[in-house]
Amino acid sequence: MGTSTGQNNDVKDIVMAGCLVHLAFLPAPENRWRVEGTVRCGIEENRAEQSFSTDPQDSREAAEAEALRRVTGLLGSNVDRNTSRVENWS
């Protein structure tokens, strides 16, 4: 896990809900920012990877916030309901 803030290497690697998240911050036209990201989850045959990109935002912080919203949405839609420990009693 780390952050680099170089002009050509502005990336952030984090872990969310047990998944590795890689965010690359890229300058966009008109002094805006966008993010290209990758979410990697699972192990062995259950490993999955999903890439995404944000629309240009007015600031780097706004681009990061949008990227994290996208990651949260992706992780929320990947819940494995077969591993739920809740039993339904009828």
N, C-alpha and C. Protein backbone atom coordinates (compact mmCIF):
# COMPACT_ATOMS: atom_id res chain seq x y z
N MET A 1 0.85 -1.15 0.00
CA MET A 1 0.00 0.00 0.00
C MET A 1 0.90 1.22 0.00
N GLY A 2 0.60 2.18 -0.90
CA GLY A 2 1.42 3.36 -0.94
C GLY A 2 0.87 4.37 -1.90
N THR A 3 1.50 5.55 -1.85
CA THR A 3 1.09 6.63 -2.73
C THR A 3 2.33 7.25 -3.33
N SER A 4 2.28 7.56 -4.59
CA SER A 4 3.36 8.27 -5.26
C SER A 4 2.75 9.50 -5.92
N THR A 5 3.42 10.64 -5.82
CA THR A 5 2.83 11.85 -6.36
C THR A 5 3.65 12.45 -7.48
N GLY A 6 4.45 11.66 -8.18
CA GLY A 6 5.19 12.18 -9.31
C GLY A 6 4.26 12.54 -10.46
N GLN A 7 4.67 13.49 -11.31
CA GLN A 7 3.83 13.96 -12.41
C GLN A 7 3.36 12.80 -13.29
N ASN A 8 4.27 11.88 -13.64
CA ASN A 8 3.91 10.79 -14.54
C ASN A 8 3.62 9.50 -13.79
N ASN A 9 3.71 9.51 -12.49
CA ASN A 9 3.50 8.30 -11.72
C ASN A 9 2.65 8.60 -10.49
N ASP A 10 1.50 9.20 -10.71
CA ASP A 10 0.62 9.60 -9.61
C ASP A 10 -0.39 8.47 -9.40
N VAL A 11 -0.05 7.55 -8.49
CA VAL A 11 -0.89 6.37 -8.26
C VAL A 11 -1.14 6.19 -6.77
N LYS A 12 -2.20 5.45 -6.48
CA LYS A 12 -2.52 5.09 -5.10
C LYS A 12 -3.00 3.65 -5.12
N ASP A 13 -2.43 2.83 -4.25
CA ASP A 13 -2.85 1.44 -4.08
C ASP A 13 -3.43 1.30 -2.68
N ILE A 14 -4.65 0.80 -2.61
CA ILE A 14 -5.33 0.63 -1.33
C ILE A 14 -6.03 -0.73 -1.31
N VAL A 15 -6.50 -1.13 -0.14
CA VAL A 15 -7.29 -2.34 0.02
C VAL A 15 -8.66 -1.93 0.53
N MET A 16 -9.70 -2.36 -0.18
CA MET A 16 -11.08 -2.10 0.24
C MET A 16 -11.83 -3.42 0.23
N ALA A 17 -12.46 -3.75 1.33
CA ALA A 17 -13.25 -4.98 1.46
C ALA A 17 -12.44 -6.21 1.03
N GLY A 18 -11.16 -6.20 1.34
CA GLY A 18 -10.30 -7.32 1.01
C GLY A 18 -9.84 -7.38 -0.44
N CYS A 19 -10.16 -6.37 -1.22
CA CYS A 19 -9.78 -6.33 -2.63
C CYS A 19 -8.69 -5.28 -2.83
N LEU A 20 -7.77 -5.57 -3.75
CA LEU A 20 -6.73 -4.62 -4.09
C LEU A 20 -7.27 -3.61 -5.09
N VAL A 21 -7.07 -2.33 -4.80
CA VAL A 21 -7.57 -1.26 -5.65
C VAL A 21 -6.38 -0.41 -6.08
N HIS A 22 -6.20 -0.26 -7.39
CA HIS A 22 -5.12 0.55 -7.95
C HIS A 22 -5.74 1.74 -8.67
N LEU A 23 -5.37 2.95 -8.26
CA LEU A 23 -5.88 4.17 -8.87
C LEU A 23 -4.73 4.93 -9.50
N ALA A 24 -4.86 5.27 -10.78
CA ALA A 24 -3.87 6.08 -11.48
C ALA A 24 -4.51 7.42 -11.82
N PHE A 25 -3.93 8.50 -11.31
CA PHE A 25 -4.45 9.84 -11.51
C PHE A 25 -3.82 10.45 -12.75
N LEU A 26 -4.65 10.90 -13.67
CA LEU A 26 -4.16 11.43 -14.94
C LEU A 26 -4.69 12.83 -15.19
N PRO A 27 -3.83 13.73 -15.65
CA PRO A 27 -4.31 15.07 -16.00
C PRO A 27 -5.27 14.98 -17.19
N ALA A 28 -6.27 15.82 -17.17
CA ALA A 28 -7.24 15.89 -18.26
C ALA A 28 -7.21 17.33 -18.79
N PRO A 29 -7.77 17.57 -19.96
CA PRO A 29 -7.79 18.94 -20.52
C PRO A 29 -8.43 19.94 -19.56
N GLU A 30 -8.04 21.18 -19.71
CA GLU A 30 -8.59 22.30 -18.94
C GLU A 30 -8.30 22.17 -17.44
N ASN A 31 -7.09 21.72 -17.09
CA ASN A 31 -6.66 21.60 -15.70
C ASN A 31 -7.59 20.73 -14.86
N ARG A 32 -8.06 19.66 -15.45
CA ARG A 32 -8.95 18.73 -14.75
C ARG A 32 -8.19 17.43 -14.52
N TRP A 33 -8.82 16.51 -13.80
CA TRP A 33 -8.21 15.21 -13.47
C TRP A 33 -9.19 14.09 -13.76
N ARG A 34 -8.65 12.93 -14.09
CA ARG A 34 -9.45 11.72 -14.21
C ARG A 34 -8.66 10.58 -13.61
N VAL A 35 -9.34 9.48 -13.33
CA VAL A 35 -8.71 8.32 -12.71
C VAL A 35 -8.99 7.09 -13.55
N GLU A 36 -7.95 6.30 -13.78
CA GLU A 36 -8.11 4.95 -14.34
C GLU A 36 -7.80 4.00 -13.20
N GLY A 37 -8.73 3.08 -12.94
CA GLY A 37 -8.57 2.20 -11.79
C GLY A 37 -8.79 0.74 -12.12
N THR A 38 -8.28 -0.10 -11.22
CA THR A 38 -8.45 -1.55 -11.34
C THR A 38 -8.78 -2.09 -9.95
N VAL A 39 -9.76 -2.98 -9.89
CA VAL A 39 -10.13 -3.66 -8.65
C VAL A 39 -9.86 -5.14 -8.87
N ARG A 40 -9.05 -5.73 -7.97
CA ARG A 40 -8.73 -7.16 -8.05
C ARG A 40 -9.21 -7.84 -6.77
N CYS A 41 -10.04 -8.88 -6.94
CA CYS A 41 -10.60 -9.61 -5.80
C CYS A 41 -10.47 -11.11 -6.02
N GLY A 42 -10.52 -11.84 -4.93
CA GLY A 42 -10.57 -13.30 -5.00
C GLY A 42 -9.21 -13.96 -5.03
N ILE A 43 -9.25 -15.29 -4.98
CA ILE A 43 -8.03 -16.08 -5.04
C ILE A 43 -8.23 -17.24 -6.00
N GLU A 44 -7.12 -17.72 -6.52
CA GLU A 44 -7.06 -18.86 -7.43
C GLU A 44 -8.12 -18.79 -8.52
N GLU A 45 -8.96 -19.83 -8.65
CA GLU A 45 -9.93 -19.86 -9.75
C GLU A 45 -11.05 -18.85 -9.58
N ASN A 46 -11.19 -18.27 -8.39
CA ASN A 46 -12.22 -17.26 -8.14
C ASN A 46 -11.70 -15.83 -8.26
N ARG A 47 -10.50 -15.66 -8.81
CA ARG A 47 -9.91 -14.34 -8.97
C ARG A 47 -10.62 -13.58 -10.08
N ALA A 48 -10.89 -12.30 -9.83
CA ALA A 48 -11.55 -11.45 -10.83
C ALA A 48 -10.90 -10.08 -10.81
N GLU A 49 -10.95 -9.43 -11.95
CA GLU A 49 -10.40 -8.08 -12.08
C GLU A 49 -11.37 -7.23 -12.89
N GLN A 50 -11.58 -6.01 -12.45
CA GLN A 50 -12.48 -5.09 -13.14
C GLN A 50 -11.77 -3.75 -13.26
N SER A 51 -11.75 -3.20 -14.47
CA SER A 51 -11.16 -1.88 -14.70
C SER A 51 -12.25 -0.85 -14.92
N PHE A 52 -11.93 0.40 -14.63
CA PHE A 52 -12.88 1.49 -14.82
C PHE A 52 -12.11 2.78 -15.01
N SER A 53 -12.80 3.81 -15.46
CA SER A 53 -12.21 5.14 -15.53
C SER A 53 -13.30 6.16 -15.21
N THR A 54 -12.88 7.28 -14.67
CA THR A 54 -13.83 8.33 -14.34
C THR A 54 -13.85 9.37 -15.45
N ASP A 55 -14.91 10.15 -15.47
CA ASP A 55 -14.95 11.33 -16.32
C ASP A 55 -14.04 12.38 -15.71
N PRO A 56 -13.57 13.34 -16.49
CA PRO A 56 -12.73 14.41 -15.92
C PRO A 56 -13.47 15.17 -14.82
N GLN A 57 -12.74 15.47 -13.76
CA GLN A 57 -13.28 16.19 -12.60
C GLN A 57 -12.49 17.49 -12.41
N ASP A 58 -13.04 18.43 -11.66
CA ASP A 58 -12.42 19.74 -11.48
C ASP A 58 -11.15 19.71 -10.64
N SER A 59 -10.97 18.69 -9.81
CA SER A 59 -9.77 18.59 -8.97
C SER A 59 -9.36 17.13 -8.83
N ARG A 60 -8.13 16.94 -8.37
CA ARG A 60 -7.63 15.58 -8.13
C ARG A 60 -8.46 14.93 -7.04
N GLU A 61 -8.81 15.69 -6.01
CA GLU A 61 -9.61 15.17 -4.90
C GLU A 61 -10.99 14.73 -5.38
N ALA A 62 -11.60 15.53 -6.25
CA ALA A 62 -12.92 15.16 -6.78
C ALA A 62 -12.82 13.91 -7.64
N ALA A 63 -11.73 13.77 -8.40
CA ALA A 63 -11.53 12.58 -9.22
C ALA A 63 -11.35 11.35 -8.32
N GLU A 64 -10.61 11.50 -7.22
CA GLU A 64 -10.43 10.39 -6.29
C GLU A 64 -11.75 10.01 -5.64
N ALA A 65 -12.54 10.99 -5.23
CA ALA A 65 -13.84 10.71 -4.62
C ALA A 65 -14.75 9.97 -5.59
N GLU A 66 -14.76 10.37 -6.85
CA GLU A 66 -15.57 9.68 -7.87
C GLU A 66 -15.08 8.26 -8.07
N ALA A 67 -13.75 8.07 -8.10
CA ALA A 67 -13.19 6.73 -8.26
C ALA A 67 -13.59 5.83 -7.10
N LEU A 68 -13.54 6.36 -5.88
CA LEU A 68 -13.91 5.56 -4.71
C LEU A 68 -15.40 5.22 -4.72
N ARG A 69 -16.23 6.12 -5.23
CA ARG A 69 -17.66 5.80 -5.39
C ARG A 69 -17.83 4.65 -6.38
N ARG A 70 -17.06 4.69 -7.47
CA ARG A 70 -17.14 3.61 -8.46
C ARG A 70 -16.70 2.28 -7.86
N VAL A 71 -15.61 2.30 -7.10
CA VAL A 71 -15.11 1.07 -6.46
C VAL A 71 -16.15 0.53 -5.49
N THR A 72 -16.74 1.40 -4.69
CA THR A 72 -17.78 0.97 -3.74
C THR A 72 -18.94 0.32 -4.47
N GLY A 73 -19.35 0.91 -5.60
CA GLY A 73 -20.42 0.32 -6.40
C GLY A 73 -20.04 -1.04 -6.95
N LEU A 74 -18.80 -1.16 -7.45
CA LEU A 74 -18.35 -2.45 -7.98
C LEU A 74 -18.30 -3.50 -6.88
N LEU A 75 -17.79 -3.15 -5.73
CA LEU A 75 -17.70 -4.11 -4.63
C LEU A 75 -19.07 -4.49 -4.11
N GLY A 76 -19.99 -3.54 -4.08
CA GLY A 76 -21.34 -3.82 -3.61
C GLY A 76 -22.09 -4.77 -4.52
N SER A 77 -21.76 -4.76 -5.81
CA SER A 77 -22.45 -5.64 -6.75
C SER A 77 -21.79 -7.01 -6.86
N ASN A 78 -20.70 -7.22 -6.12
CA ASN A 78 -19.99 -8.50 -6.18
C ASN A 78 -20.14 -9.32 -4.91
N VAL A 79 -21.19 -9.06 -4.14
CA VAL A 79 -21.40 -9.81 -2.90
C VAL A 79 -21.78 -11.24 -3.26
N ASP A 80 -21.07 -12.18 -2.66
CA ASP A 80 -21.35 -13.60 -2.89
C ASP A 80 -22.39 -14.05 -1.88
N ARG A 81 -23.61 -14.19 -2.30
CA ARG A 81 -24.69 -14.54 -1.39
C ARG A 81 -24.62 -16.01 -0.94
N ASN A 82 -23.83 -16.83 -1.61
CA ASN A 82 -23.70 -18.22 -1.21
C ASN A 82 -22.88 -18.38 0.07
N THR A 83 -22.13 -17.37 0.45
CA THR A 83 -21.30 -17.49 1.65
C THR A 83 -21.94 -16.83 2.86
N SER A 84 -23.18 -16.41 2.74
CA SER A 84 -23.87 -15.78 3.86
C SER A 84 -24.03 -16.77 5.01
N ARG A 85 -23.79 -16.29 6.23
CA ARG A 85 -23.93 -17.16 7.40
C ARG A 85 -25.32 -17.05 8.01
N VAL A 86 -26.17 -16.27 7.41
CA VAL A 86 -27.52 -16.09 7.93
C VAL A 86 -28.42 -17.19 7.38
N GLU A 87 -29.11 -17.87 8.28
CA GLU A 87 -30.03 -18.92 7.85
C GLU A 87 -31.44 -18.37 7.90
N ASN A 88 -32.21 -18.65 6.86
CA ASN A 88 -33.60 -18.24 6.84
C ASN A 88 -34.46 -19.38 7.36
N TRP A 89 -35.19 -19.09 8.43
CA TRP A 89 -36.06 -20.10 9.03
C TRP A 89 -37.49 -19.84 8.57
N SER A 90 -38.09 -20.81 7.98
CA SER A 90 -39.47 -20.66 7.52
C SER A 90 -40.42 -21.34 8.45
